[in-house]
């Protein structure tokens, strides 16, 4: 069966502009161009587009996806099985979050009792759930699904003492930044100490660390309005000051 670009656009729920762009960068070429100059796609292209969109949802960049799906060693069945494993893992994470919310609701209603350990585990899950709702899509797009999933797993593995240190560090960073902003010097000792604390804070949730990833996070604090508001609510201009300090720290 063959599809016009408009038909494929409706089936895949992507714009025709996106499909044209994929063609321009040799990511997804049409099966043929008809006599009228219109792009025509076949079943093979539909399958390939499915893989492209899945990798994209996991945070892969288009150039990376292009290298994967256009590789001579690319195997569709292996890719599908890997996708299935990732989707099952996502489902398990969502089911776990739903179970936690239901359990917390029952606890708040007085229908069940929860031990301190259960309360602590529920608190961590609630924190992850809030972060997913607020920033999940943006973080996955920047760092990829597997990295975010690993980060959530690491947070869930924190002991109560480690979690308290994790939260305390966040407050220390803010206080350091407030003092550093009074000096108005992102190169200054206090500003750079805040960046060092931030690196330590990331270590509680990140399973990896690179200067580039740290620097990109600082940029996200400015470009994403929700992150920007979080810091600027602490002190006006903090997001941009922190971004500048991190840029210096990571270089």
Protein backbone atom coordinates (compact mmCIF):
# COMPACT_ATOMS: atom_id res chain seq x y z
CA UNK A 1 0.00 0.00 0.00
CA UNK A 2 1.19 3.52 -0.76
CA UNK A 3 0.49 6.86 0.89
CA UNK A 4 0.71 10.49 -0.14
CA UNK A 5 2.54 12.86 2.18
CA UNK A 6 -0.81 14.14 3.49
CA UNK A 7 -2.05 10.63 4.20
CA UNK A 8 1.16 9.67 6.01
CA UNK A 9 0.99 12.90 7.97
CA UNK A 10 -2.46 11.99 9.29
CA UNK A 11 -1.53 8.38 10.04
CA UNK A 12 1.67 9.25 11.93
CA UNK A 13 0.32 12.51 13.40
CA UNK A 14 3.28 14.54 12.25
CA UNK A 15 3.16 17.59 10.03
CA UNK A 16 3.84 17.46 6.30
CA UNK A 17 6.50 20.09 6.96
CA UNK A 18 8.30 17.62 9.25
CA UNK A 19 8.15 14.89 6.62
CA UNK A 20 9.57 17.24 4.00
CA UNK A 21 12.37 18.18 6.40
CA UNK A 22 13.15 14.51 7.06
CA UNK A 23 13.45 14.08 3.30
CA UNK A 24 15.74 17.12 2.97
CA UNK A 25 18.19 15.76 5.56
CA UNK A 26 18.04 12.21 4.14
CA UNK A 27 16.46 10.82 7.28
CA UNK A 28 13.29 9.52 5.58
CA UNK A 29 13.14 9.50 1.81
CA UNK A 30 9.85 8.76 0.02
CA UNK A 31 9.54 5.51 -1.89
CA UNK A 32 9.19 7.49 -5.11
CA UNK A 33 8.20 10.84 -6.55
CA UNK A 34 5.21 10.57 -8.90
CA UNK A 35 4.83 12.28 -12.27
CA UNK A 36 3.19 15.28 -10.62
CA UNK A 37 6.17 15.74 -8.29
CA UNK A 38 4.40 14.47 -5.15
CA UNK A 39 6.13 12.32 -2.53
CA UNK A 40 4.78 8.76 -2.28
CA UNK A 41 5.56 6.53 0.71
CA UNK A 42 5.31 2.74 1.03
CA UNK A 43 5.05 0.32 3.97
CA UNK A 44 8.83 0.32 4.41
CA UNK A 45 8.84 4.08 4.90
CA UNK A 46 5.96 3.83 7.38
CA UNK A 47 7.92 1.29 9.43
CA UNK A 48 11.01 3.47 9.32
CA UNK A 49 9.06 6.53 10.40
CA UNK A 50 7.74 4.55 13.39
CA UNK A 51 11.34 3.88 14.46
CA UNK A 52 12.34 7.52 13.94
CA UNK A 53 9.49 8.79 16.10
CA UNK A 54 10.23 6.28 18.85
CA UNK A 55 13.91 7.22 19.03
CA UNK A 56 12.87 10.88 19.00
CA UNK A 57 10.55 10.30 21.97
CA UNK A 58 13.53 8.84 23.85
CA UNK A 59 15.50 12.04 23.38
CA UNK A 60 17.78 11.06 20.50
CA UNK A 61 18.86 13.89 18.23
CA UNK A 62 17.93 13.66 14.55
CA UNK A 63 21.54 13.19 13.46
CA UNK A 64 21.89 10.28 15.90
CA UNK A 65 18.63 8.73 14.67
CA UNK A 66 19.80 9.12 11.08
CA UNK A 67 23.00 7.21 11.85
CA UNK A 68 21.02 4.43 13.57
CA UNK A 69 18.20 3.80 11.10
CA UNK A 70 20.35 4.28 8.00
CA UNK A 71 23.10 1.99 9.25
CA UNK A 72 23.68 -1.21 7.24
CA UNK A 73 23.58 -3.13 10.54
CA UNK A 74 20.17 -1.74 11.55
CA UNK A 75 17.72 -4.58 12.18
CA UNK A 76 14.02 -3.75 12.46
CA UNK A 77 13.13 -6.76 14.64
CA UNK A 78 15.91 -6.03 17.13
CA UNK A 79 14.81 -2.39 17.26
CA UNK A 80 11.18 -3.38 17.87
CA UNK A 81 12.14 -5.76 20.67
CA UNK A 82 14.24 -3.05 22.30
CA UNK A 83 11.37 -0.59 22.00
CA UNK A 84 9.05 -3.12 23.60
CA UNK A 85 11.39 -3.48 26.59
CA UNK A 86 11.55 0.30 27.02
CA UNK A 87 7.76 0.63 26.82
CA UNK A 88 7.27 -2.12 29.41
CA UNK A 89 9.70 -0.32 31.70
CA UNK A 90 7.78 2.93 31.21
CA UNK A 91 4.51 1.14 32.00
CA UNK A 92 5.98 -0.32 35.19
CA UNK A 93 7.18 3.12 36.29
CA UNK A 94 3.77 4.67 35.60
CA UNK A 95 1.98 1.82 37.40
CA UNK A 96 4.28 2.33 40.39
CA UNK A 97 3.51 6.05 40.50
CA UNK A 98 -0.25 5.40 40.24
CA UNK A 99 -0.03 2.86 43.06
CA UNK A 100 1.84 5.37 45.20
CA UNK A 101 -0.73 8.12 44.58
CA UNK A 102 -3.62 5.77 45.42
CA UNK A 103 -1.87 4.61 48.59
CA UNK A 104 -1.17 8.18 49.69
CA UNK A 105 -4.80 9.18 49.07
CA UNK A 106 -5.97 6.26 51.22
CA UNK A 107 -3.50 7.27 53.95
CA UNK A 108 -4.69 10.88 53.91
CA UNK A 109 -8.30 9.68 54.21
CA UNK A 110 -7.34 7.60 57.23
CA UNK A 111 -8.23 4.35 55.47
CA UNK A 112 -4.78 2.79 55.91
CA UNK A 113 -1.67 3.27 58.03
CA UNK A 114 1.81 3.81 56.65
CA UNK A 115 5.13 3.12 58.36
CA UNK A 116 7.80 5.83 58.40
CA UNK A 117 9.70 3.87 55.77
CA UNK A 118 6.60 3.69 53.54
CA UNK A 119 6.00 7.43 54.03
CA UNK A 120 9.58 8.15 53.01
CA UNK A 121 9.35 5.96 49.90
CA UNK A 122 6.04 7.61 49.01
CA UNK A 123 7.61 11.04 49.46
CA UNK A 124 10.41 10.21 47.01
CA UNK A 125 7.95 8.84 44.47
CA UNK A 126 5.81 11.95 44.84
CA UNK A 127 8.84 14.15 44.20
CA UNK A 128 9.66 12.18 41.04
CA UNK A 129 6.03 12.38 39.93
CA UNK A 130 6.00 16.17 40.37
CA UNK A 131 9.23 16.55 38.43
CA UNK A 132 7.88 14.33 35.65
CA UNK A 133 4.75 16.43 35.33
CA UNK A 134 6.63 19.73 35.30
CA UNK A 135 9.82 18.99 33.41
CA UNK A 136 9.71 15.40 32.13
CA UNK A 137 9.36 16.15 28.41
CA UNK A 138 12.05 18.84 28.33
CA UNK A 139 14.58 16.79 30.30
CA UNK A 140 14.01 13.68 28.19
CA UNK A 141 14.41 15.67 25.00
CA UNK A 142 17.75 16.99 26.23
CA UNK A 143 19.19 13.92 27.97
CA UNK A 144 17.19 10.97 26.65
CA UNK A 145 14.70 8.60 28.23
CA UNK A 146 17.23 6.12 29.63
CA UNK A 147 19.20 8.82 31.45
CA UNK A 148 16.07 10.26 33.07
CA UNK A 149 14.87 6.78 34.04
CA UNK A 150 18.26 6.00 35.61
CA UNK A 151 18.12 9.29 37.49
CA UNK A 152 14.71 8.43 38.93
CA UNK A 153 15.99 5.00 39.97
CA UNK A 154 18.96 6.58 41.72
CA UNK A 155 16.71 8.94 43.70
CA UNK A 156 14.52 6.02 44.74
CA UNK A 157 17.65 4.23 45.98
CA UNK A 158 18.71 7.08 48.29
CA UNK A 159 18.68 6.40 52.02
CA UNK A 160 16.80 8.81 54.28
CA UNK A 161 20.08 10.45 55.33
CA UNK A 162 21.22 10.80 51.72
CA UNK A 163 17.88 12.28 50.76
CA UNK A 164 18.11 14.84 53.57
CA UNK A 165 21.60 15.79 52.36
CA UNK A 166 20.22 16.06 48.83
CA UNK A 167 17.54 18.51 49.96
CA UNK A 168 19.93 20.44 52.22
CA UNK A 169 22.33 20.97 49.32
CA UNK A 170 19.57 22.57 47.27
CA UNK A 171 19.02 25.17 50.00
CA UNK A 172 22.76 25.76 50.38
CA UNK A 173 23.10 26.42 46.66
CA UNK A 174 20.35 29.05 46.74
CA UNK A 175 21.89 30.81 49.77
CA UNK A 176 25.36 30.81 48.15
CA UNK A 177 23.90 32.29 44.97
CA UNK A 178 22.15 35.06 46.90
CA UNK A 179 25.43 36.09 48.51
CA UNK A 180 27.33 35.78 45.22
CA UNK A 181 24.78 38.01 43.48
CA UNK A 182 25.45 40.75 46.03
CA UNK A 183 29.05 40.71 44.78
CA UNK A 184 27.75 40.66 41.19
CA UNK A 185 30.63 38.44 40.11
CA UNK A 186 29.93 35.02 38.55
CA UNK A 187 33.73 34.49 38.47
CA UNK A 188 33.93 35.04 42.23
CA UNK A 189 34.80 32.44 44.84
CA UNK A 190 31.28 32.20 46.30
CA UNK A 191 29.61 31.89 42.90
CA UNK A 192 32.00 29.08 41.95
CA UNK A 193 31.43 27.39 45.32
CA UNK A 194 27.70 27.38 44.48
CA UNK A 195 28.52 25.64 41.20
CA UNK A 196 30.64 23.05 43.02
CA UNK A 197 27.74 22.38 45.41
CA UNK A 198 25.45 22.07 42.40
CA UNK A 199 27.73 19.43 40.89
CA UNK A 200 27.62 17.55 44.20
CA UNK A 201 23.81 17.90 44.25
CA UNK A 202 23.58 16.42 40.73
CA UNK A 203 25.60 13.44 41.93
CA UNK A 204 22.64 12.32 44.03
CA UNK A 205 20.51 11.82 40.92
CA UNK A 206 22.81 11.65 37.89
CA UNK A 207 24.52 8.40 36.93
CA UNK A 208 26.80 10.37 34.64
CA UNK A 209 28.48 13.74 34.64
CA UNK A 210 30.03 15.82 31.90
CA UNK A 211 30.89 19.50 31.89
CA UNK A 212 28.85 19.92 28.73
CA UNK A 213 25.73 18.38 30.32
CA UNK A 214 26.20 20.59 33.39
CA UNK A 215 26.58 23.69 31.23
CA UNK A 216 23.51 22.75 29.16
CA UNK A 217 21.48 22.43 32.35
CA UNK A 218 22.45 25.98 33.30
CA UNK A 219 21.22 27.17 29.91
CA UNK A 220 17.94 25.33 30.43
CA UNK A 221 17.49 27.21 33.72
CA UNK A 222 17.25 30.39 31.65
CA UNK A 223 15.49 29.26 28.48
CA UNK A 224 12.73 27.23 30.15
CA UNK A 225 10.32 29.62 31.85
CA UNK A 226 9.48 27.17 34.65
CA UNK A 227 13.10 26.67 35.66
CA UNK A 228 13.72 30.41 35.31
CA UNK A 229 10.80 31.21 37.56
CA UNK A 230 12.03 28.77 40.22
CA UNK A 231 15.36 30.60 40.55
CA UNK A 232 14.13 34.12 39.90
CA UNK A 233 11.49 33.70 42.62
CA UNK A 234 14.39 33.23 45.06
CA UNK A 235 16.08 36.42 43.83
CA UNK A 236 15.44 38.39 40.66
CA UNK A 237 18.02 37.60 37.98
CA UNK A 238 19.27 34.45 39.71
CA UNK A 239 18.67 32.14 36.74
CA UNK A 240 20.88 34.16 34.39
CA UNK A 241 23.54 34.73 37.06
CA UNK A 242 23.65 31.00 37.81
CA UNK A 243 23.83 30.21 34.08
CA UNK A 244 26.81 32.54 33.71
CA UNK A 245 28.55 31.08 36.78
CA UNK A 246 28.04 27.51 35.52
CA UNK A 247 29.34 28.49 32.10
CA UNK A 248 32.55 29.68 33.78
CA UNK A 249 32.72 26.67 36.10
CA UNK A 250 32.35 24.09 33.34
CA UNK A 251 34.90 25.76 31.05
